[in-house]
């Protein structure tokens, strides 16, 4: 267990759900084949707003997670955000949105992202818009690679939420600590 005492001043955090290992491996293989460098495959439950590096949010967020039941997620076909920021696998999960809203209420961040709130779009990012990344090419390749999910979405149950940690600017989010759901 890494614990909050090991946080660093430049670190960023988010709370997310990891996909089943076989889907995570497919995402990793796809990214490797296209030369993409991205954070570990996850579905964000709470973005970094209000999740300061001093971890003042830790206890409150952990309590909300512990009091929440397991989450059902359905991962479907490939999509792209209209603003051109990412190519992703669509995720349908009223459970994730409900937990997101409970976390927003408990943490009450002084500032939050425009995509946070009831309009949140759960998703599993395949690639973000970055220098040297052609999202049009990624979108086409992803549609071929994950065509099966468009016709037959993958449903799974998450029994834990992960604290995802990025060490600093230019770093990638990786799973840092698992918090069990439904333990409250």
N, C-alpha and C. Protein backbone atom coordinates (compact mmCIF):
# COMPACT_ATOMS: atom_id res chain seq x y z
N UNK A 1 0.84 -1.18 0.00
CA UNK A 1 0.00 0.00 0.00
C UNK A 1 0.88 1.24 0.00
N UNK A 2 0.59 2.14 -0.90
CA UNK A 2 1.43 3.32 -1.03
C UNK A 2 1.03 4.41 -0.05
N UNK A 3 -0.25 4.64 0.12
CA UNK A 3 -0.76 5.56 1.13
C UNK A 3 -0.52 7.02 0.82
N UNK A 4 -1.32 7.88 1.45
CA UNK A 4 -1.26 9.31 1.15
C UNK A 4 0.03 9.98 1.59
N UNK A 5 0.74 9.42 2.53
CA UNK A 5 1.95 10.07 3.02
C UNK A 5 3.05 10.12 1.96
N UNK A 6 2.91 9.38 0.87
CA UNK A 6 3.95 9.35 -0.16
C UNK A 6 3.66 10.27 -1.34
N UNK A 7 2.65 11.12 -1.23
CA UNK A 7 2.30 12.02 -2.34
C UNK A 7 3.42 13.04 -2.56
N UNK A 8 3.47 13.56 -3.77
CA UNK A 8 4.45 14.58 -4.10
C UNK A 8 3.75 15.86 -4.51
N UNK A 9 4.40 16.97 -4.28
CA UNK A 9 3.80 18.28 -4.54
C UNK A 9 3.35 18.46 -5.99
N UNK A 10 4.04 17.85 -6.94
CA UNK A 10 3.68 18.02 -8.35
C UNK A 10 2.70 16.98 -8.86
N UNK A 11 2.30 16.05 -8.02
CA UNK A 11 1.43 14.96 -8.46
C UNK A 11 0.02 15.45 -8.72
N UNK A 12 -0.64 14.76 -9.65
CA UNK A 12 -2.06 14.96 -9.93
C UNK A 12 -2.77 13.65 -9.66
N UNK A 13 -4.04 13.74 -9.30
CA UNK A 13 -4.82 12.56 -8.98
C UNK A 13 -6.16 12.59 -9.68
N UNK A 14 -6.71 11.42 -9.92
CA UNK A 14 -8.10 11.27 -10.32
C UNK A 14 -8.58 9.94 -9.75
N UNK A 15 -9.88 9.74 -9.76
CA UNK A 15 -10.46 8.48 -9.30
C UNK A 15 -11.07 7.80 -10.51
N UNK A 16 -10.76 6.51 -10.66
CA UNK A 16 -11.24 5.80 -11.84
C UNK A 16 -11.50 4.33 -11.59
N UNK A 17 -12.12 3.73 -12.57
CA UNK A 17 -12.40 2.29 -12.58
C UNK A 17 -11.54 1.67 -13.67
N UNK A 18 -10.87 0.58 -13.35
CA UNK A 18 -10.07 -0.13 -14.35
C UNK A 18 -10.97 -1.10 -15.10
N UNK A 19 -10.73 -1.26 -16.40
CA UNK A 19 -11.50 -2.24 -17.17
C UNK A 19 -11.06 -3.65 -16.81
N UNK A 20 -11.85 -4.65 -17.21
CA UNK A 20 -11.39 -6.03 -17.01
C UNK A 20 -10.01 -6.22 -17.66
N UNK A 21 -9.17 -7.10 -17.10
CA UNK A 21 -7.80 -7.26 -17.60
C UNK A 21 -7.71 -7.53 -19.11
N UNK A 22 -8.62 -8.34 -19.66
CA UNK A 22 -8.53 -8.64 -21.09
C UNK A 22 -8.78 -7.40 -21.94
N UNK A 23 -9.72 -6.55 -21.55
CA UNK A 23 -9.96 -5.32 -22.29
C UNK A 23 -8.80 -4.36 -22.09
N UNK A 24 -8.28 -4.26 -20.88
CA UNK A 24 -7.10 -3.42 -20.64
C UNK A 24 -5.93 -3.82 -21.52
N UNK A 25 -5.72 -5.13 -21.67
CA UNK A 25 -4.63 -5.63 -22.51
C UNK A 25 -4.88 -5.29 -23.98
N UNK A 26 -6.13 -5.37 -24.42
CA UNK A 26 -6.46 -5.00 -25.81
C UNK A 26 -6.17 -3.52 -26.06
N UNK A 27 -6.54 -2.68 -25.10
CA UNK A 27 -6.29 -1.24 -25.23
C UNK A 27 -4.78 -0.99 -25.27
N UNK A 28 -4.04 -1.63 -24.38
CA UNK A 28 -2.58 -1.46 -24.36
C UNK A 28 -1.95 -1.89 -25.68
N UNK A 29 -2.37 -3.04 -26.20
CA UNK A 29 -1.82 -3.55 -27.47
C UNK A 29 -2.14 -2.60 -28.62
N UNK A 30 -3.36 -2.09 -28.65
CA UNK A 30 -3.77 -1.14 -29.68
C UNK A 30 -2.90 0.12 -29.62
N UNK A 31 -2.73 0.66 -28.44
CA UNK A 31 -1.91 1.87 -28.29
C UNK A 31 -0.47 1.61 -28.70
N UNK A 32 0.07 0.47 -28.30
CA UNK A 32 1.45 0.14 -28.64
C UNK A 32 1.62 0.05 -30.16
N UNK A 33 0.69 -0.61 -30.81
CA UNK A 33 0.75 -0.77 -32.27
C UNK A 33 0.74 0.58 -32.98
N UNK A 34 0.02 1.56 -32.42
CA UNK A 34 -0.07 2.88 -33.05
C UNK A 34 0.97 3.87 -32.49
N UNK A 35 1.80 3.40 -31.55
CA UNK A 35 2.83 4.27 -30.98
C UNK A 35 2.26 5.35 -30.08
N UNK A 36 1.14 5.07 -29.42
CA UNK A 36 0.49 6.05 -28.55
C UNK A 36 0.99 5.90 -27.12
N UNK A 37 1.21 7.03 -26.45
CA UNK A 37 1.63 7.05 -25.05
C UNK A 37 0.50 7.67 -24.25
N UNK A 38 -0.19 6.85 -23.47
CA UNK A 38 -1.35 7.31 -22.72
C UNK A 38 -1.33 6.75 -21.30
N UNK A 39 -2.15 7.34 -20.45
CA UNK A 39 -2.33 6.84 -19.08
C UNK A 39 -2.90 5.44 -19.11
N UNK A 40 -2.76 4.71 -18.02
CA UNK A 40 -3.33 3.37 -17.92
C UNK A 40 -4.82 3.42 -18.24
N UNK A 41 -5.31 2.40 -18.92
CA UNK A 41 -6.72 2.35 -19.32
C UNK A 41 -7.61 2.42 -18.07
N UNK A 42 -8.56 3.36 -18.11
CA UNK A 42 -9.48 3.55 -16.98
C UNK A 42 -10.70 4.33 -17.43
N UNK A 43 -11.73 4.29 -16.62
CA UNK A 43 -12.92 5.13 -16.78
C UNK A 43 -12.90 6.10 -15.61
N UNK A 44 -12.79 7.39 -15.89
CA UNK A 44 -12.72 8.38 -14.82
C UNK A 44 -14.07 8.48 -14.11
N UNK A 45 -14.01 8.43 -12.79
CA UNK A 45 -15.18 8.64 -11.95
C UNK A 45 -15.16 10.07 -11.40
N UNK A 46 -13.97 10.56 -11.05
CA UNK A 46 -13.80 11.93 -10.57
C UNK A 46 -12.49 12.47 -11.12
N UNK A 47 -12.60 13.53 -11.94
CA UNK A 47 -11.42 14.17 -12.50
C UNK A 47 -10.65 14.91 -11.40
N UNK A 48 -9.53 15.47 -11.79
CA UNK A 48 -8.57 16.01 -10.81
C UNK A 48 -9.03 17.28 -10.09
N UNK A 49 -10.08 17.95 -10.53
CA UNK A 49 -10.51 19.17 -9.83
C UNK A 49 -10.84 18.86 -8.38
N UNK A 50 -10.25 19.61 -7.48
CA UNK A 50 -10.48 19.41 -6.05
C UNK A 50 -9.63 18.31 -5.43
N UNK A 51 -8.88 17.59 -6.24
CA UNK A 51 -8.04 16.51 -5.71
C UNK A 51 -6.60 17.04 -5.59
N UNK A 52 -6.38 17.87 -4.60
CA UNK A 52 -5.11 18.55 -4.44
C UNK A 52 -3.99 17.59 -4.04
N UNK A 53 -2.73 17.96 -4.34
CA UNK A 53 -1.60 17.08 -4.01
C UNK A 53 -1.39 16.90 -2.51
N UNK A 54 -1.97 17.76 -1.70
CA UNK A 54 -1.85 17.61 -0.24
C UNK A 54 -2.83 16.56 0.30
N UNK A 55 -3.69 16.06 -0.57
CA UNK A 55 -4.62 14.97 -0.26
C UNK A 55 -5.65 15.33 0.81
N UNK A 56 -6.06 16.58 0.85
CA UNK A 56 -7.10 16.98 1.81
C UNK A 56 -8.43 16.30 1.50
N UNK A 57 -8.60 15.80 0.32
CA UNK A 57 -9.83 15.16 -0.16
C UNK A 57 -9.88 13.67 0.18
N UNK A 58 -8.77 13.10 0.56
CA UNK A 58 -8.59 11.65 0.67
C UNK A 58 -9.67 10.98 1.52
N UNK A 59 -9.83 11.42 2.77
CA UNK A 59 -10.77 10.76 3.69
C UNK A 59 -12.21 10.87 3.21
N UNK A 60 -12.61 12.06 2.77
CA UNK A 60 -13.99 12.26 2.32
C UNK A 60 -14.29 11.42 1.09
N UNK A 61 -13.38 11.43 0.12
CA UNK A 61 -13.59 10.65 -1.10
C UNK A 61 -13.62 9.16 -0.79
N UNK A 62 -12.72 8.72 0.06
CA UNK A 62 -12.68 7.30 0.40
C UNK A 62 -13.97 6.86 1.09
N UNK A 63 -14.52 7.73 1.95
CA UNK A 63 -15.77 7.40 2.64
C UNK A 63 -16.93 7.29 1.65
N UNK A 64 -16.98 8.19 0.66
CA UNK A 64 -18.04 8.11 -0.36
C UNK A 64 -17.93 6.80 -1.13
N UNK A 65 -16.73 6.44 -1.53
CA UNK A 65 -16.52 5.19 -2.27
C UNK A 65 -16.93 3.99 -1.41
N UNK A 66 -16.53 3.98 -0.14
CA UNK A 66 -16.83 2.86 0.74
C UNK A 66 -18.34 2.69 0.94
N UNK A 67 -19.08 3.78 0.89
CA UNK A 67 -20.53 3.74 1.09
C UNK A 67 -21.30 3.46 -0.20
N UNK A 68 -20.59 3.37 -1.32
CA UNK A 68 -21.25 3.17 -2.62
C UNK A 68 -21.24 1.71 -3.02
N UNK A 69 -22.32 1.25 -3.65
CA UNK A 69 -22.36 -0.14 -4.10
C UNK A 69 -21.45 -0.35 -5.32
N UNK A 70 -21.23 -1.61 -5.66
CA UNK A 70 -20.46 -1.96 -6.87
C UNK A 70 -21.09 -1.25 -8.07
N UNK A 71 -20.27 -1.00 -9.08
CA UNK A 71 -20.70 -0.25 -10.27
C UNK A 71 -20.83 -1.17 -11.47
N UNK A 72 -21.91 -1.01 -12.22
CA UNK A 72 -22.07 -1.75 -13.47
C UNK A 72 -21.74 -0.80 -14.61
N UNK A 73 -20.86 -1.27 -15.51
CA UNK A 73 -20.45 -0.47 -16.67
C UNK A 73 -20.66 -1.29 -17.93
N UNK A 74 -21.06 -0.62 -19.01
CA UNK A 74 -21.19 -1.25 -20.31
C UNK A 74 -20.28 -0.49 -21.28
N UNK A 75 -19.29 -1.19 -21.80
CA UNK A 75 -18.32 -0.58 -22.72
C UNK A 75 -18.75 -0.92 -24.14
N UNK A 76 -18.96 0.14 -24.94
CA UNK A 76 -19.43 -0.05 -26.30
C UNK A 76 -18.42 0.40 -27.34
N UNK A 77 -18.95 0.86 -28.45
CA UNK A 77 -18.13 1.18 -29.61
C UNK A 77 -17.29 2.44 -29.48
N UNK A 78 -16.48 2.65 -30.50
CA UNK A 78 -15.53 3.76 -30.57
C UNK A 78 -16.25 5.05 -30.93
N UNK A 79 -15.84 6.11 -30.28
CA UNK A 79 -16.39 7.45 -30.53
C UNK A 79 -15.27 8.47 -30.43
N UNK A 80 -15.59 9.69 -30.84
CA UNK A 80 -14.66 10.81 -30.68
C UNK A 80 -15.44 11.99 -30.13
N UNK A 81 -14.83 12.74 -29.24
CA UNK A 81 -15.48 13.94 -28.74
C UNK A 81 -15.58 14.96 -29.87
N UNK A 82 -16.69 15.67 -29.93
CA UNK A 82 -16.92 16.65 -31.00
C UNK A 82 -15.87 17.75 -31.01
N UNK A 83 -15.32 18.06 -29.84
CA UNK A 83 -14.31 19.12 -29.79
C UNK A 83 -12.93 18.63 -30.23
N UNK A 84 -12.84 17.36 -30.62
CA UNK A 84 -11.59 16.84 -31.16
C UNK A 84 -10.51 16.56 -30.15
N UNK A 85 -10.87 16.37 -28.88
CA UNK A 85 -9.84 16.17 -27.85
C UNK A 85 -9.46 14.71 -27.63
N UNK A 86 -10.32 13.76 -28.04
CA UNK A 86 -10.01 12.36 -27.73
C UNK A 86 -10.82 11.40 -28.58
N UNK A 87 -10.25 10.20 -28.75
CA UNK A 87 -10.94 9.04 -29.30
C UNK A 87 -11.10 8.09 -28.13
N UNK A 88 -12.29 7.51 -27.98
CA UNK A 88 -12.56 6.71 -26.79
C UNK A 88 -13.56 5.60 -27.06
N UNK A 89 -13.64 4.68 -26.10
CA UNK A 89 -14.69 3.68 -26.09
C UNK A 89 -15.83 4.25 -25.25
N UNK A 90 -17.03 4.24 -25.80
CA UNK A 90 -18.18 4.75 -25.07
C UNK A 90 -18.52 3.85 -23.89
N UNK A 91 -18.89 4.46 -22.78
CA UNK A 91 -19.26 3.71 -21.58
C UNK A 91 -20.63 4.21 -21.13
N UNK A 92 -21.53 3.27 -20.93
CA UNK A 92 -22.84 3.59 -20.35
C UNK A 92 -22.84 3.07 -18.93
N UNK A 93 -23.06 4.00 -17.98
CA UNK A 93 -23.07 3.59 -16.58
C UNK A 93 -23.73 4.64 -15.70
N UNK A 94 -25.04 4.51 -15.48
CA UNK A 94 -25.68 5.40 -14.53
C UNK A 94 -25.02 5.31 -13.15
N UNK A 95 -24.46 4.16 -12.80
CA UNK A 95 -23.77 3.98 -11.52
C UNK A 95 -22.55 4.89 -11.41
N UNK A 96 -21.75 4.97 -12.47
CA UNK A 96 -20.56 5.83 -12.46
C UNK A 96 -20.97 7.30 -12.32
N UNK A 97 -22.00 7.70 -13.07
CA UNK A 97 -22.46 9.09 -12.99
C UNK A 97 -22.96 9.39 -11.58
N UNK A 98 -23.71 8.47 -10.97
CA UNK A 98 -24.22 8.69 -9.62
C UNK A 98 -23.08 8.81 -8.61
N UNK A 99 -22.07 7.96 -8.71
CA UNK A 99 -20.92 8.06 -7.81
C UNK A 99 -20.17 9.37 -8.04
N UNK A 100 -20.02 9.75 -9.29
CA UNK A 100 -19.37 11.02 -9.64
C UNK A 100 -20.09 12.18 -8.94
N UNK A 101 -21.41 12.19 -9.01
CA UNK A 101 -22.19 13.27 -8.40
C UNK A 101 -22.06 13.26 -6.87
N UNK A 102 -22.04 12.06 -6.27
CA UNK A 102 -21.85 11.99 -4.82
C UNK A 102 -20.47 12.52 -4.43
N UNK A 103 -19.45 12.21 -5.23
CA UNK A 103 -18.11 12.72 -4.96
C UNK A 103 -18.05 14.24 -5.11
N UNK A 104 -18.70 14.78 -6.14
CA UNK A 104 -18.73 16.24 -6.32
C UNK A 104 -19.37 16.91 -5.11
N UNK A 105 -20.47 16.34 -4.64
CA UNK A 105 -21.16 16.91 -3.48
C UNK A 105 -20.28 16.86 -2.24
N UNK A 106 -19.65 15.71 -2.00
CA UNK A 106 -18.81 15.55 -0.79
C UNK A 106 -17.57 16.42 -0.84
N UNK A 107 -16.95 16.54 -1.99
CA UNK A 107 -15.68 17.27 -2.10
C UNK A 107 -15.89 18.76 -2.36
N UNK A 108 -16.99 19.10 -3.03
CA UNK A 108 -17.33 20.49 -3.33
C UNK A 108 -16.11 21.30 -3.79
N UNK A 109 -15.48 20.90 -4.91
CA UNK A 109 -14.28 21.62 -5.36
C UNK A 109 -14.60 23.08 -5.67
N UNK A 110 -13.67 23.98 -5.35
CA UNK A 110 -13.89 25.41 -5.59
C UNK A 110 -14.01 25.69 -7.08
N UNK A 111 -13.33 24.91 -7.89
CA UNK A 111 -13.47 25.00 -9.34
C UNK A 111 -13.62 23.58 -9.86
N UNK A 112 -14.43 23.44 -10.90
CA UNK A 112 -14.55 22.13 -11.51
C UNK A 112 -14.63 22.29 -13.02
N UNK A 113 -14.34 21.20 -13.70
CA UNK A 113 -14.33 21.22 -15.16
C UNK A 113 -15.76 21.27 -15.69
N UNK A 114 -15.94 21.85 -16.86
CA UNK A 114 -17.25 21.95 -17.47
C UNK A 114 -17.90 20.61 -17.77
N UNK A 115 -17.09 19.59 -17.93
CA UNK A 115 -17.63 18.26 -18.22
C UNK A 115 -18.02 17.50 -16.96
N UNK A 116 -17.77 18.09 -15.78
CA UNK A 116 -18.17 17.43 -14.54
C UNK A 116 -19.61 17.82 -14.22
N UNK A 117 -20.33 16.92 -13.55
CA UNK A 117 -21.72 17.16 -13.21
C UNK A 117 -22.60 16.13 -13.87
N UNK A 118 -23.92 16.35 -13.86
CA UNK A 118 -24.85 15.34 -14.38
C UNK A 118 -24.66 15.06 -15.87
N UNK A 119 -24.04 15.98 -16.60
CA UNK A 119 -23.81 15.80 -18.04
C UNK A 119 -22.54 15.01 -18.33
N UNK A 120 -21.85 14.54 -17.30
CA UNK A 120 -20.61 13.78 -17.48
C UNK A 120 -20.81 12.65 -18.49
N UNK A 121 -19.79 12.41 -19.31
CA UNK A 121 -19.81 11.34 -20.31
C UNK A 121 -18.79 10.28 -19.91
N UNK A 122 -19.22 9.19 -19.26
CA UNK A 122 -18.24 8.14 -18.94
C UNK A 122 -17.63 7.60 -20.23
N UNK A 123 -16.32 7.35 -20.19
CA UNK A 123 -15.62 6.86 -21.38
C UNK A 123 -14.28 6.25 -20.98
N UNK A 124 -13.73 5.47 -21.89
CA UNK A 124 -12.39 4.89 -21.72
C UNK A 124 -11.55 5.45 -22.87
N UNK A 125 -10.67 6.37 -22.55
CA UNK A 125 -9.86 7.04 -23.57
C UNK A 125 -8.90 6.06 -24.24
N UNK A 126 -8.90 6.11 -25.56
CA UNK A 126 -7.91 5.35 -26.34
C UNK A 126 -6.73 6.24 -26.69
N UNK A 127 -7.02 7.51 -27.05
CA UNK A 127 -5.96 8.45 -27.40
C UNK A 127 -6.45 9.88 -27.22
N UNK A 128 -5.58 10.71 -26.67
CA UNK A 128 -5.85 12.14 -26.54
C UNK A 128 -5.19 12.89 -27.69
N UNK A 129 -5.74 14.07 -27.99
CA UNK A 129 -5.11 14.92 -29.01
C UNK A 129 -3.80 15.43 -28.44
N UNK A 130 -2.72 15.09 -29.13
CA UNK A 130 -1.38 15.51 -28.75
C UNK A 130 -0.60 15.81 -30.03
N UNK A 131 0.50 16.50 -29.86
CA UNK A 131 1.39 16.76 -31.00
C UNK A 131 1.84 15.42 -31.59
N UNK A 132 1.73 15.29 -32.89
CA UNK A 132 2.17 14.08 -33.57
C UNK A 132 1.15 12.95 -33.60
N UNK A 133 -0.04 13.16 -33.03
CA UNK A 133 -1.09 12.14 -33.04
C UNK A 133 -2.20 12.58 -33.97
N UNK A 134 -2.47 11.78 -35.00
CA UNK A 134 -3.55 12.05 -35.94
C UNK A 134 -4.78 11.28 -35.45
N UNK A 135 -5.70 12.00 -34.79
CA UNK A 135 -6.86 11.32 -34.22
C UNK A 135 -7.77 10.72 -35.28
N UNK A 136 -7.75 11.24 -36.50
CA UNK A 136 -8.53 10.63 -37.59
C UNK A 136 -8.04 9.23 -37.88
N UNK A 137 -6.73 9.07 -37.94
CA UNK A 137 -6.13 7.75 -38.16
C UNK A 137 -6.43 6.83 -36.98
N UNK A 138 -6.31 7.37 -35.76
CA UNK A 138 -6.59 6.58 -34.56
C UNK A 138 -8.05 6.13 -34.57
N UNK A 139 -8.95 7.04 -34.93
CA UNK A 139 -10.38 6.72 -34.95
C UNK A 139 -10.67 5.56 -35.91
N UNK A 140 -10.13 5.62 -37.09
CA UNK A 140 -10.36 4.55 -38.07
C UNK A 140 -9.78 3.22 -37.59
N UNK A 141 -8.55 3.26 -37.08
CA UNK A 141 -7.93 2.03 -36.58
C UNK A 141 -8.71 1.47 -35.39
N UNK A 142 -9.19 2.34 -34.52
CA UNK A 142 -9.95 1.91 -33.34
C UNK A 142 -11.29 1.29 -33.75
N UNK A 143 -11.92 1.86 -34.75
CA UNK A 143 -13.20 1.29 -35.21
C UNK A 143 -13.00 -0.14 -35.72
N UNK A 144 -11.87 -0.39 -36.37
CA UNK A 144 -11.57 -1.75 -36.83
C UNK A 144 -11.25 -2.65 -35.63
N UNK A 145 -10.38 -2.18 -34.76
CA UNK A 145 -9.91 -2.99 -33.63
C UNK A 145 -11.02 -3.36 -32.65
N UNK A 146 -11.92 -2.41 -32.40
CA UNK A 146 -12.95 -2.62 -31.37
C UNK A 146 -14.36 -2.73 -31.97
N UNK A 147 -14.44 -3.17 -33.23
CA UNK A 147 -15.74 -3.29 -33.91
C UNK A 147 -16.69 -4.21 -33.14
N UNK A 148 -16.15 -5.23 -32.50
CA UNK A 148 -16.99 -6.17 -31.76
C UNK A 148 -17.78 -5.49 -30.65
N UNK A 149 -17.21 -4.46 -30.03
CA UNK A 149 -17.88 -3.78 -28.92
C UNK A 149 -19.04 -2.92 -29.40
N UNK A 150 -18.99 -2.48 -30.66
CA UNK A 150 -20.10 -1.68 -31.20
C UNK A 150 -21.36 -2.53 -31.27
N UNK A 151 -21.22 -3.78 -31.70
CA UNK A 151 -22.37 -4.66 -31.82
C UNK A 151 -22.72 -5.43 -30.57
N UNK A 152 -21.72 -5.69 -29.75
CA UNK A 152 -21.90 -6.48 -28.53
C UNK A 152 -21.12 -5.84 -27.40
N UNK A 153 -21.71 -4.81 -26.75
CA UNK A 153 -20.99 -4.14 -25.66
C UNK A 153 -20.60 -5.13 -24.55
N UNK A 154 -19.52 -4.80 -23.88
CA UNK A 154 -19.01 -5.60 -22.77
C UNK A 154 -19.53 -5.01 -21.47
N UNK A 155 -20.27 -5.81 -20.71
CA UNK A 155 -20.77 -5.36 -19.41
C UNK A 155 -19.92 -6.00 -18.32
N UNK A 156 -19.51 -5.17 -17.35
CA UNK A 156 -18.75 -5.70 -16.22
C UNK A 156 -19.11 -4.95 -14.95
N UNK A 157 -18.79 -5.56 -13.83
CA UNK A 157 -19.04 -4.96 -12.52
C UNK A 157 -17.70 -4.59 -11.88
N UNK A 158 -17.61 -3.32 -11.47
CA UNK A 158 -16.41 -2.85 -10.77
C UNK A 158 -16.68 -2.91 -9.28
N UNK A 159 -15.77 -3.53 -8.55
CA UNK A 159 -15.92 -3.66 -7.09
C UNK A 159 -14.94 -2.78 -6.33
N UNK A 160 -14.18 -1.96 -7.09
CA UNK A 160 -13.24 -1.03 -6.47
C UNK A 160 -13.05 0.18 -7.37
N UNK A 161 -12.69 1.27 -6.75
CA UNK A 161 -12.32 2.50 -7.45
C UNK A 161 -10.84 2.71 -7.17
N UNK A 162 -10.10 3.08 -8.19
CA UNK A 162 -8.66 3.29 -8.05
C UNK A 162 -8.33 4.77 -7.95
N UNK A 163 -7.44 5.09 -7.02
CA UNK A 163 -6.79 6.40 -7.04
C UNK A 163 -5.73 6.28 -8.12
N UNK A 164 -5.83 7.12 -9.13
CA UNK A 164 -4.86 7.16 -10.22
C UNK A 164 -3.95 8.36 -9.96
N UNK A 165 -2.65 8.14 -10.08
CA UNK A 165 -1.67 9.17 -9.75
C UNK A 165 -0.76 9.44 -10.94
N UNK A 166 -0.57 10.72 -11.22
CA UNK A 166 0.39 11.16 -12.24
C UNK A 166 1.48 11.91 -11.50
N UNK A 167 2.75 11.53 -11.68
CA UNK A 167 3.83 12.11 -10.87
C UNK A 167 4.08 13.60 -11.11
N UNK A 168 3.70 14.11 -12.26
CA UNK A 168 3.92 15.53 -12.54
C UNK A 168 3.67 15.81 -14.00
N UNK A 169 3.92 17.04 -14.43
CA UNK A 169 3.70 17.40 -15.83
C UNK A 169 4.44 16.46 -16.78
N UNK A 170 3.75 16.05 -17.82
CA UNK A 170 4.34 15.12 -18.79
C UNK A 170 4.23 13.67 -18.39
N UNK A 171 3.81 13.40 -17.16
CA UNK A 171 3.65 12.03 -16.70
C UNK A 171 2.32 11.45 -17.14
N UNK A 172 2.11 10.20 -16.80
CA UNK A 172 0.87 9.50 -17.13
C UNK A 172 0.24 8.99 -15.84
N UNK A 173 -1.09 8.94 -15.83
CA UNK A 173 -1.80 8.39 -14.68
C UNK A 173 -1.63 6.88 -14.64
N UNK A 174 -1.30 6.38 -13.46
CA UNK A 174 -1.19 4.93 -13.24
C UNK A 174 -1.97 4.59 -11.97
N UNK A 175 -2.48 3.36 -11.87
CA UNK A 175 -3.18 2.94 -10.66
C UNK A 175 -2.24 3.04 -9.46
N UNK A 176 -2.72 3.64 -8.38
CA UNK A 176 -1.88 3.88 -7.21
C UNK A 176 -2.41 3.13 -5.98
N UNK A 177 -3.73 3.23 -5.75
CA UNK A 177 -4.31 2.53 -4.60
C UNK A 177 -5.77 2.20 -4.90
N UNK A 178 -6.18 0.98 -4.59
CA UNK A 178 -7.56 0.54 -4.80
C UNK A 178 -8.39 0.78 -3.55
N UNK A 179 -9.59 1.30 -3.74
CA UNK A 179 -10.54 1.50 -2.66
C UNK A 179 -11.75 0.60 -2.93
N UNK A 180 -12.06 -0.33 -2.05
CA UNK A 180 -13.22 -1.20 -2.26
C UNK A 180 -14.54 -0.42 -2.20
N UNK A 181 -15.44 -0.78 -3.07
CA UNK A 181 -16.79 -0.23 -3.04
C UNK A 181 -17.64 -1.05 -2.06
N UNK A 182 -18.66 -0.43 -1.50
CA UNK A 182 -19.61 -1.14 -0.67
C UNK A 182 -19.08 -1.63 0.65
N UNK A 183 -18.11 -0.92 1.22
CA UNK A 183 -17.53 -1.35 2.50
C UNK A 183 -17.96 -0.45 3.65
N UNK A 184 -18.89 0.49 3.39
CA UNK A 184 -19.22 1.49 4.39
C UNK A 184 -20.22 1.07 5.41
